[in-house]
Protein backbone atom coordinates (compact mmCIF):
# COMPACT_ATOMS: atom_id res chain seq x y z
CA MET A 1 -35.51 -102.03 -34.14
CA THR A 2 -37.86 -99.97 -31.96
CA GLN A 3 -36.56 -99.56 -28.41
CA GLU A 4 -38.64 -101.11 -25.65
CA THR A 5 -40.84 -98.67 -23.74
CA ILE A 6 -41.34 -99.15 -20.01
CA GLU A 7 -44.84 -98.53 -18.64
CA TYR A 8 -44.81 -97.74 -14.93
CA SER A 9 -47.55 -96.59 -12.57
CA ILE A 10 -46.57 -94.11 -9.84
CA ARG A 11 -48.09 -94.09 -6.37
CA GLU A 12 -49.67 -91.05 -4.76
CA GLY A 13 -47.52 -89.59 -1.97
CA GLY A 14 -44.06 -90.74 -0.97
CA PHE A 15 -41.77 -88.03 -2.36
CA GLY A 16 -38.61 -90.00 -1.59
CA ILE A 17 -39.75 -93.17 -3.34
CA LEU A 18 -40.81 -91.04 -6.32
CA ILE A 19 -37.25 -89.72 -6.71
CA MET A 20 -35.83 -93.23 -6.34
CA GLU A 21 -38.25 -94.65 -8.92
CA LEU A 22 -37.55 -91.82 -11.36
CA SER A 23 -33.78 -92.23 -10.95
CA MET A 24 -34.01 -95.96 -11.62
CA LEU A 25 -36.29 -95.52 -14.64
CA MET A 26 -34.01 -92.91 -16.22
CA HIS A 27 -30.96 -95.10 -15.58
CA THR A 28 -32.46 -97.82 -17.80
CA GLY A 29 -31.88 -95.58 -20.81
CA LYS A 30 -35.28 -96.61 -22.17
CA PRO A 31 -38.28 -94.39 -22.95
CA VAL A 32 -40.77 -94.47 -20.09
CA ILE A 33 -44.51 -93.86 -19.82
CA CYS A 34 -45.48 -93.05 -16.24
CA TYR A 35 -49.10 -93.14 -15.10
CA VAL A 36 -49.92 -90.77 -12.23
CA PRO A 37 -53.20 -90.49 -10.31
CA THR A 38 -53.53 -86.69 -10.16
CA ALA A 39 -53.10 -83.65 -12.41
CA ASN A 40 -50.79 -81.95 -9.89
CA HIS A 41 -48.60 -84.97 -9.17
CA PRO A 42 -45.00 -83.91 -8.28
CA LEU A 43 -43.61 -86.04 -11.11
CA TYR A 44 -44.61 -83.22 -13.48
CA ALA A 45 -42.44 -80.79 -11.50
CA LEU A 46 -39.50 -83.21 -11.31
CA LYS A 47 -39.58 -83.75 -15.07
CA ARG A 48 -39.39 -79.99 -15.55
CA ILE A 49 -36.72 -79.46 -12.85
CA TYR A 50 -34.42 -82.18 -14.21
CA LYS A 51 -35.13 -81.18 -17.83
CA ILE A 52 -36.19 -84.68 -18.89
CA PRO A 53 -37.27 -84.64 -22.55
CA ASP A 54 -40.54 -86.09 -23.81
CA SER A 55 -38.53 -88.69 -25.70
CA ARG A 56 -37.44 -90.14 -22.34
CA LEU A 57 -40.50 -89.57 -20.16
CA THR A 58 -44.19 -89.27 -20.98
CA ILE A 59 -46.59 -88.62 -18.10
CA VAL A 60 -50.19 -89.76 -18.37
CA GLN A 61 -52.83 -88.91 -15.78
CA GLU A 62 -54.48 -92.23 -15.08
CA ASP A 63 -54.76 -93.92 -11.69
CA ARG A 64 -53.42 -97.45 -12.10
CA GLY A 65 -52.32 -97.89 -8.49
CA TRP A 66 -48.81 -98.92 -7.51
CA HIS A 67 -46.54 -100.73 -9.91
CA PRO A 68 -45.82 -104.26 -8.59
CA ALA A 69 -42.07 -103.49 -8.52
CA SER A 70 -42.43 -100.37 -6.37
CA ASN A 71 -40.62 -100.47 -3.03
CA ASP A 72 -37.89 -98.57 -1.21
CA MET A 73 -35.08 -100.76 -2.59
CA ILE A 74 -35.86 -100.14 -6.25
CA LYS A 75 -32.95 -97.69 -6.71
CA ALA A 76 -30.29 -99.81 -4.99
CA PHE A 77 -28.51 -100.59 -8.27
CA SER A 78 -29.02 -97.23 -9.96
CA PRO A 79 -27.39 -93.84 -9.42
CA TYR A 80 -29.49 -90.81 -8.53
CA ILE A 81 -30.58 -88.64 -11.40
CA MET A 82 -28.02 -85.87 -10.99
CA PRO A 83 -27.99 -83.18 -13.72
CA ASP A 84 -25.33 -80.46 -13.89
CA THR A 85 -28.09 -77.85 -14.16
CA VAL A 86 -31.72 -77.73 -13.10
CA THR A 87 -34.61 -75.51 -14.18
CA LEU A 88 -36.30 -73.71 -11.30
CA PHE A 89 -39.06 -71.16 -11.80
CA GLY A 90 -38.12 -70.78 -15.46
CA GLN A 91 -34.38 -70.26 -14.99
CA ASP A 92 -31.43 -72.65 -15.20
CA TYR A 93 -29.12 -73.06 -12.19
CA ALA A 94 -25.89 -75.03 -11.78
CA THR A 95 -25.92 -77.80 -9.16
CA GLY A 96 -23.17 -78.84 -6.75
CA ARG A 97 -21.83 -75.36 -5.96
CA ARG A 98 -19.94 -74.85 -2.70
CA GLY A 99 -19.77 -72.00 -0.25
CA LYS A 100 -23.47 -71.27 0.23
CA THR A 101 -24.61 -69.41 3.33
CA CYS A 102 -27.15 -71.76 4.92
CA ILE A 103 -27.50 -75.21 6.37
CA GLY A 104 -30.84 -76.76 5.53
CA LEU A 105 -32.65 -78.55 8.33
CA ALA A 106 -35.43 -81.03 7.54
CA MET A 107 -36.88 -81.87 10.93
CA HIS A 108 -40.24 -83.48 10.26
CA ALA A 109 -42.97 -83.87 7.70
CA TYR A 110 -46.10 -83.92 9.85
CA GLY A 111 -45.09 -82.39 13.16
CA MET A 112 -43.56 -83.73 16.34
CA GLY A 113 -45.47 -85.12 19.27
CA ASP A 114 -44.57 -86.24 22.76
CA GLU A 115 -42.10 -89.00 23.59
CA LYS A 116 -44.70 -91.75 23.12
CA THR A 117 -45.85 -90.45 19.73
CA VAL A 118 -42.30 -90.05 18.39
CA LYS A 119 -41.69 -93.78 18.90
CA HIS A 120 -44.08 -94.89 16.15
CA SER A 121 -44.01 -94.72 12.36
CA PRO A 122 -43.40 -92.29 10.74
CA TYR A 123 -42.38 -90.28 13.79
CA HIS A 124 -39.67 -92.75 14.77
CA LYS A 125 -37.49 -91.08 12.12
CA PHE A 126 -37.50 -87.72 13.86
CA ALA A 127 -35.21 -86.41 16.60
CA THR A 128 -36.29 -84.53 19.71
CA ARG A 129 -36.51 -80.75 19.89
CA GLU A 130 -33.41 -80.77 22.08
CA ILE A 131 -31.35 -82.48 19.38
CA TYR A 132 -32.57 -80.06 16.71
CA ASN A 133 -31.86 -77.07 18.97
CA GLN A 134 -28.26 -78.23 19.43
CA ILE A 135 -27.84 -78.71 15.67
CA ILE A 136 -29.09 -75.16 15.12
CA LYS A 137 -26.61 -73.87 17.72
CA LEU A 138 -23.71 -75.69 16.03
CA ALA A 139 -24.62 -74.34 12.59
CA ASP A 140 -24.92 -70.83 14.00
CA LEU A 141 -21.48 -71.05 15.61
CA ALA A 142 -20.11 -72.19 12.24
CA GLY A 143 -21.43 -69.01 10.64
CA TYR A 144 -24.39 -70.49 8.80
CA ASP A 145 -27.97 -69.30 8.71
CA ILE A 146 -30.55 -72.04 9.26
CA LEU A 147 -33.12 -72.72 6.59
CA THR A 148 -35.88 -75.12 7.63
CA ILE A 149 -37.61 -77.27 5.02
CA ASN A 150 -40.52 -78.79 6.89
CA GLN A 151 -43.81 -77.78 5.30
CA PRO A 152 -45.51 -80.73 3.55
CA SER A 153 -47.37 -78.23 1.34
CA MET A 154 -44.13 -76.74 -0.02
CA SER A 155 -43.75 -77.60 -3.70
CA ALA A 156 -40.93 -79.77 -5.03
CA GLU A 157 -39.68 -76.80 -7.06
CA HIS A 158 -39.59 -74.54 -3.99
CA LYS A 159 -37.67 -77.15 -1.98
CA ALA A 160 -35.21 -77.66 -4.83
CA PHE A 161 -34.63 -73.91 -5.13
CA LEU A 162 -33.90 -73.51 -1.41
CA LEU A 163 -31.54 -76.49 -1.34
CA ASN A 164 -29.72 -75.70 -4.57
CA GLU A 165 -29.30 -71.96 -4.11
CA TYR A 166 -28.88 -71.52 -0.35
CA CYS A 167 -27.81 -74.74 1.36
CA ASP A 168 -24.15 -75.72 1.73
CA CYS A 169 -25.39 -78.87 3.47
CA LEU A 170 -28.63 -80.51 4.58
CA VAL A 171 -29.17 -82.13 7.98
CA ALA A 172 -32.21 -84.36 7.77
CA TYR A 173 -34.12 -87.38 8.92
CA GLU A 174 -34.22 -90.22 6.39
CA GLY A 175 -36.79 -89.12 3.84
CA GLY A 176 -37.75 -87.28 0.69
CA THR A 177 -35.91 -84.00 1.32
CA ALA A 178 -32.65 -85.92 1.63
CA HIS A 179 -33.33 -87.76 -1.64
CA LEU A 180 -33.94 -84.41 -3.35
CA ALA A 181 -30.66 -83.06 -1.95
CA HIS A 182 -28.76 -86.03 -3.40
CA THR A 183 -30.00 -85.23 -6.91
CA LEU A 184 -28.78 -81.63 -6.49
CA GLN A 185 -25.35 -82.74 -5.19
CA VAL A 186 -25.97 -81.07 -1.83
CA PRO A 187 -24.02 -82.82 0.97
CA THR A 188 -26.37 -84.47 3.43
CA ILE A 189 -26.04 -85.53 7.06
CA ILE A 190 -28.71 -88.07 8.02
CA LEU A 191 -29.97 -88.69 11.53
CA PRO A 192 -30.58 -92.35 12.38
CA TRP A 193 -33.98 -93.68 13.31
CA ARG A 194 -34.78 -93.44 17.01
CA CYS A 195 -36.38 -96.90 17.10
CA HIS A 196 -38.13 -99.45 14.92
CA GLY A 197 -41.32 -98.36 13.16
CA ASP A 198 -43.40 -100.42 15.58
CA GLY A 199 -41.94 -98.57 18.56
CA ASN A 200 -39.55 -101.32 19.69
CA PRO A 201 -36.15 -99.99 20.76
CA ILE A 202 -32.94 -100.42 18.79
CA THR A 203 -30.92 -102.45 21.25
CA SER A 204 -27.62 -102.99 19.44
CA PRO A 205 -25.35 -101.17 16.98
CA GLU A 206 -25.50 -104.37 14.92
CA ASP A 207 -29.28 -104.18 14.58
CA THR A 208 -29.95 -104.37 10.83
CA ILE A 209 -32.33 -101.41 11.09
CA ASN A 210 -29.21 -99.25 11.37
CA TRP A 211 -28.34 -100.02 7.74
CA VAL A 212 -31.78 -99.24 6.33
CA SER A 213 -30.97 -95.57 5.68
CA HIS A 214 -27.72 -96.60 3.99
CA SER A 215 -29.57 -98.87 1.55
CA TYR A 216 -32.22 -96.24 0.81
CA HIS A 217 -29.73 -93.35 0.40
CA MET A 218 -26.90 -94.79 -1.67
CA ASP A 219 -25.08 -91.52 -2.30
CA ARG A 220 -21.40 -90.66 -1.84
CA ARG A 221 -22.06 -87.15 -0.49
CA THR A 222 -23.93 -88.42 2.56
CA TYR A 223 -22.75 -88.87 6.16
CA PHE A 224 -24.81 -91.22 8.35
CA LEU A 225 -24.64 -90.33 12.02
CA ALA A 226 -24.02 -93.30 14.32
CA SER A 227 -26.45 -91.83 16.86
CA GLN A 228 -28.62 -88.77 17.13
CA ASP A 229 -26.33 -87.45 19.85
CA GLU A 230 -23.21 -87.68 17.68
CA ILE A 231 -23.66 -84.37 15.90
CA THR A 232 -24.33 -82.57 19.18
CA GLN A 233 -20.77 -83.46 20.26
CA TRP A 234 -19.16 -81.99 17.14
CA THR A 235 -17.05 -78.85 17.17
CA VAL A 236 -17.28 -76.23 14.44
CA PRO A 237 -14.13 -77.60 12.72
CA GLN A 238 -15.66 -81.09 12.74
CA LEU A 239 -18.82 -79.84 11.04
CA LYS A 240 -16.87 -77.89 8.42
CA SER A 241 -14.46 -80.75 7.71
CA THR A 242 -17.38 -83.17 7.32
CA ILE A 243 -19.06 -80.90 4.80
CA ASP A 244 -15.75 -80.51 2.94
CA ARG A 245 -15.24 -84.29 2.76
CA LEU A 246 -18.79 -84.75 1.47
CA TYR A 247 -18.18 -82.29 -1.35
CA ARG A 248 -15.28 -84.58 -2.27
CA ASN A 249 -17.57 -87.64 -2.33
CA GLN A 250 -16.10 -89.04 0.89
CA GLY A 251 -19.28 -90.05 2.70
CA ASN A 252 -19.58 -93.10 4.96
CA ASN A 253 -22.31 -95.20 3.31
CA LYS A 254 -21.70 -98.83 4.30
CA TYR A 255 -22.45 -100.07 0.78
CA TYR A 256 -19.37 -98.29 -0.58
CA GLU A 257 -16.96 -99.96 1.83
CA PRO A 258 -14.18 -102.10 0.34
CA GLY A 259 -15.28 -105.71 0.12
CA VAL A 260 -18.98 -105.11 -0.52
CA GLU A 261 -20.00 -107.01 -3.64
CA ILE A 262 -23.19 -108.03 -5.44
CA ASP A 263 -24.59 -111.41 -6.36
CA THR A 264 -26.02 -110.16 -9.67
CA GLU A 265 -28.27 -113.19 -10.10
CA ASN A 266 -30.16 -112.73 -6.82
CA LEU A 267 -29.35 -109.02 -6.26
CA ARG A 268 -27.90 -109.85 -2.88
CA PHE A 269 -25.22 -107.75 -1.20
CA TYR A 270 -22.44 -109.56 0.61
CA GLY A 271 -18.99 -108.90 2.04
CA THR A 272 -18.72 -106.44 4.94
CA ILE A 273 -22.49 -105.98 4.64
CA LEU A 274 -24.99 -108.81 4.38
CA ASN A 275 -28.29 -107.78 2.85
CA ASP A 276 -30.71 -109.92 0.87
CA PRO A 277 -33.49 -107.36 0.22
CA PHE A 278 -35.39 -109.26 -2.47
CA SER A 279 -35.70 -112.64 -0.81
CA THR A 280 -39.40 -112.74 0.06
CA GLY A 281 -42.87 -112.04 -1.23
CA ASP A 282 -43.55 -109.26 -3.73
CA LEU A 283 -39.94 -108.10 -3.55
CA TYR A 284 -39.21 -110.77 -6.15
CA LYS A 285 -41.10 -108.52 -8.56
CA THR A 286 -38.72 -105.67 -7.82
CA ARG A 287 -35.70 -107.89 -8.33
CA ASP A 288 -37.01 -109.20 -11.64
CA PHE A 289 -37.90 -105.69 -12.85
CA ILE A 290 -34.38 -104.45 -12.08
CA LYS A 291 -32.75 -107.42 -13.79
CA GLN A 292 -34.97 -106.99 -16.84
CA HIS A 293 -34.26 -103.29 -17.37
CA ILE A 294 -30.75 -102.58 -16.04
CA LYS A 295 -27.61 -103.80 -17.74
CA ASN A 296 -24.26 -104.21 -15.97
CA ILE A 297 -25.68 -104.21 -12.44
CA GLN A 298 -23.23 -102.66 -9.98
CA ILE A 299 -22.97 -100.50 -6.90
CA HIS A 300 -23.03 -96.86 -8.00
């Protein structure tokens, strides 16, 4: 019997969602045809970096818009694509190595503005210059060089090379650079959002917005800061011990806490976390796509 082939159209832009979509599609175990809108779409580079064979992924340049299932929760029941080696600039490199000399710092994708500007999407993800300066000081005291990964024009291959070969850890806002780090097994410390995307303040630690990054970045080598100020209070031993724990897959993602379970019929999380991400509108299409193509749904 011929195995079912998935046809999936990839959006333009959104590097993080691209990595999540690719991870989910590869986890299905089925051959995939992906339609991309441009000849230089980063999916071509990711296929080469992760050494995905043609038998698993065919890329066709044809603009078909977004797939109906595409949204930021599409990877929630799939592990990241996480090869033991990656191909970068024509050479193979092992992933997950410890003891590198730098801490990567992803501060922003489009630049930082004043206090008013930073409160609105997408700038609400970014910290202030003062926070970043204190992170740089802490890393310097710990004996690390700082390697910034901020240029939107930097290629996926260039970012992957810097992370994989130089960064013992990445400190980042929630976004595409962090997703790339997860696939390379680089420990990641994620800053929380400063406010809601519409500029409204986060008024309580129980505000569900605080769990958004956890649901997007389901990775065991990630530490989610409780506040942007938290890391500025760390000592050098705290930073080093956090990185060490992350290399041992001891992150603090809420979805890996004991007691968190899945309603596999509705793809609803429950237990110590309550999250029903596919309950309304077009998200039903994401839920149905996941149920159709993934067997043995579980938290990875």
